[in-house]
């Protein structure tokens, strides 16, 4: 999720046992926005170390180091990261092959952008069914695109794709 508190509240009402993964790109942007320009690169490198730790224990150690290093110079950045660190590292509870696709909301945002690109020029859609059909077509087209261009080893290792290969 992007960190919209209302969305998270509704999500937890509907799915009380689910886990939330905050989009690391959005969190990083929010944290870096609170830092003076001369410190942005160094802080961003430290932030990346946290997010790309080899396991949750290492990521937490990097986070503790981040706090120790930046608390004095950039307290608002440390506080901003502290609010969402737990939900930023949720992905580490899943198999490593899935980490890459769980870190950000970029795929969802790309699909929504494609919906907007395709529907905005249309002044009138003939009805609700036609709208659903159009959105389903766009979704399927994007899915085929993603299947043909897998990111890293994610595609082959996801259960969904294993089932397709076995068919």
Protein backbone atom coordinates (compact mmCIF):
# COMPACT_ATOMS: atom_id res chain seq x y z
CA UNK A 1 0.00 0.00 0.00
CA UNK A 2 0.96 3.61 -0.41
CA UNK A 3 0.36 4.54 3.22
CA UNK A 4 -3.13 5.99 2.92
CA UNK A 5 -4.39 5.58 6.49
CA UNK A 6 -8.05 5.32 5.50
CA UNK A 7 -7.30 2.57 3.01
CA UNK A 8 -5.28 0.62 5.55
CA UNK A 9 -8.03 0.95 8.16
CA UNK A 10 -10.67 -0.43 5.77
CA UNK A 11 -8.27 -3.14 4.62
CA UNK A 12 -7.74 -4.36 8.19
CA UNK A 13 -11.50 -4.32 8.83
CA UNK A 14 -12.08 -6.58 5.84
CA UNK A 15 -8.93 -8.70 6.14
CA UNK A 16 -7.96 -8.77 9.83
CA UNK A 17 -5.36 -11.55 9.42
CA UNK A 18 -3.64 -10.10 6.37
CA UNK A 19 -0.21 -8.47 6.22
CA UNK A 20 0.43 -5.01 4.77
CA UNK A 21 3.52 -4.19 2.73
CA UNK A 22 4.18 -0.48 2.32
CA UNK A 23 5.58 0.59 -1.02
CA UNK A 24 9.28 1.12 -0.38
CA UNK A 25 9.54 3.63 -3.22
CA UNK A 26 6.92 5.88 -1.64
CA UNK A 27 8.39 5.53 1.85
CA UNK A 28 11.88 6.30 0.55
CA UNK A 29 10.61 9.41 -1.26
CA UNK A 30 8.85 10.60 1.88
CA UNK A 31 11.94 10.05 4.04
CA UNK A 32 14.36 11.65 1.56
CA UNK A 33 12.07 14.68 1.17
CA UNK A 34 12.80 15.54 4.82
CA UNK A 35 16.57 15.69 4.33
CA UNK A 36 18.80 18.61 3.26
CA UNK A 37 20.04 18.29 -0.32
CA UNK A 38 23.67 17.72 0.66
CA UNK A 39 22.71 14.64 2.75
CA UNK A 40 20.16 13.06 0.40
CA UNK A 41 22.52 10.68 -1.45
CA UNK A 42 24.18 9.33 1.68
CA UNK A 43 20.88 8.88 3.50
CA UNK A 44 19.33 7.22 0.44
CA UNK A 45 22.22 4.72 0.35
CA UNK A 46 21.64 3.88 4.02
CA UNK A 47 17.92 3.52 3.37
CA UNK A 48 18.61 1.15 0.48
CA UNK A 49 20.78 -0.96 2.78
CA UNK A 50 17.78 -1.47 5.05
CA UNK A 51 15.38 -2.37 2.26
CA UNK A 52 17.82 -4.70 0.51
CA UNK A 53 19.09 -6.55 3.56
CA UNK A 54 19.58 -10.27 3.04
CA UNK A 55 17.04 -11.08 5.77
CA UNK A 56 14.87 -9.33 8.33
CA UNK A 57 17.51 -9.55 11.07
CA UNK A 58 20.10 -7.78 8.90
CA UNK A 59 17.54 -5.18 7.76
CA UNK A 60 16.69 -4.42 11.41
CA UNK A 61 20.40 -4.05 12.22
CA UNK A 62 20.79 -1.61 9.33
CA UNK A 63 17.72 0.25 10.61
CA UNK A 64 19.24 0.57 14.09
CA UNK A 65 22.43 1.91 12.47
CA UNK A 66 20.31 4.32 10.43
CA UNK A 67 18.71 5.67 13.61
CA UNK A 68 22.07 6.07 15.35
CA UNK A 69 23.61 7.83 12.36
CA UNK A 70 20.75 10.14 11.34
CA UNK A 71 18.76 10.86 14.52
CA UNK A 72 20.74 14.02 15.32
CA UNK A 73 20.93 15.54 11.81
CA UNK A 74 17.59 14.43 10.36
CA UNK A 75 15.15 13.56 13.14
CA UNK A 76 12.07 14.04 10.97
CA UNK A 77 13.42 11.58 8.38
CA UNK A 78 14.12 9.00 11.10
CA UNK A 79 10.64 9.52 12.55
CA UNK A 80 9.06 9.18 9.10
CA UNK A 81 10.84 5.88 8.48
CA UNK A 82 10.08 4.68 12.00
CA UNK A 83 6.33 5.03 11.39
CA UNK A 84 6.42 2.54 8.54
CA UNK A 85 9.50 0.36 9.02
CA UNK A 86 7.51 -2.68 10.11
CA UNK A 87 5.20 -2.56 7.09
CA UNK A 88 8.19 -1.88 4.81
CA UNK A 89 9.78 -5.18 5.80
CA UNK A 90 6.67 -7.38 5.65
CA UNK A 91 7.83 -8.82 2.32
CA UNK A 92 10.67 -10.61 4.14
CA UNK A 93 8.14 -13.03 5.65
CA UNK A 94 7.58 -14.47 2.16
CA UNK A 95 9.86 -16.59 -0.05
CA UNK A 96 12.85 -14.66 -1.43
CA UNK A 97 11.74 -15.31 -5.02
CA UNK A 98 8.69 -13.13 -4.37
CA UNK A 99 10.47 -10.22 -2.70
CA UNK A 100 11.08 -8.24 -5.86
CA UNK A 101 7.41 -8.10 -6.77
CA UNK A 102 6.24 -7.36 -3.21
CA UNK A 103 8.45 -4.34 -2.47
CA UNK A 104 6.50 -1.70 -4.41
CA UNK A 105 3.09 -0.82 -5.80
CA UNK A 106 4.56 0.07 -9.21
CA UNK A 107 2.76 -2.75 -11.03
CA UNK A 108 -0.62 -1.69 -9.64
CA UNK A 109 0.08 1.96 -10.43
CA UNK A 110 1.10 1.06 -13.98
CA UNK A 111 -2.18 -0.81 -14.51
CA UNK A 112 -4.21 2.13 -13.15
CA UNK A 113 -2.28 4.51 -15.42
CA UNK A 114 -3.13 2.31 -18.41
CA UNK A 115 -6.83 2.30 -17.40
CA UNK A 116 -6.77 6.09 -17.33
CA UNK A 117 -4.88 6.38 -20.63
CA UNK A 118 -7.38 4.16 -22.40
CA UNK A 119 -10.60 5.55 -20.91
CA UNK A 120 -9.85 9.29 -20.68
CA UNK A 121 -10.24 10.00 -24.44
CA UNK A 122 -13.63 8.26 -24.44
CA UNK A 123 -16.43 10.74 -23.92
CA UNK A 124 -19.10 8.08 -23.54
CA UNK A 125 -18.92 4.42 -22.59
CA UNK A 126 -22.08 2.54 -23.73
CA UNK A 127 -22.75 1.04 -20.30
CA UNK A 128 -21.40 -0.64 -17.21
CA UNK A 129 -20.88 -3.98 -18.95
CA UNK A 130 -18.90 -2.34 -21.74
CA UNK A 131 -16.74 -0.55 -19.17
CA UNK A 132 -16.02 -3.82 -17.34
CA UNK A 133 -15.20 -5.50 -20.64
CA UNK A 134 -12.78 -2.71 -21.57
CA UNK A 135 -11.03 -2.81 -18.17
CA UNK A 136 -10.82 -6.62 -18.33
CA UNK A 137 -9.27 -6.41 -21.81
CA UNK A 138 -6.71 -3.88 -20.59
CA UNK A 139 -5.92 -6.06 -17.55
CA UNK A 140 -5.43 -9.15 -19.70
CA UNK A 141 -3.25 -7.28 -22.16
CA UNK A 142 -1.06 -5.99 -19.33
CA UNK A 143 -0.89 -9.50 -17.82
CA UNK A 144 0.33 -10.93 -21.14
CA UNK A 145 2.91 -8.16 -21.36
CA UNK A 146 4.20 -8.93 -17.85
CA UNK A 147 4.33 -12.66 -18.54
CA UNK A 148 6.45 -12.08 -21.63
CA UNK A 149 8.86 -9.79 -19.76
CA UNK A 150 9.47 -11.30 -16.33
CA UNK A 151 11.44 -9.36 -13.74
CA UNK A 152 14.43 -11.39 -12.55
CA UNK A 153 13.55 -14.89 -11.43
CA UNK A 154 10.19 -13.88 -10.03
CA UNK A 155 8.03 -15.26 -12.82
CA UNK A 156 9.33 -18.82 -12.78
CA UNK A 157 9.21 -19.15 -9.02
CA UNK A 158 5.71 -17.84 -8.30
CA UNK A 159 3.14 -20.58 -7.56
CA UNK A 160 0.73 -19.24 -10.17
CA UNK A 161 3.28 -19.68 -12.97
CA UNK A 162 4.30 -23.12 -11.69
CA UNK A 163 0.68 -24.23 -12.05
CA UNK A 164 0.49 -22.89 -15.60
CA UNK A 165 3.66 -24.77 -16.62
CA UNK A 166 2.26 -28.02 -15.20
CA UNK A 167 -0.96 -27.74 -17.25
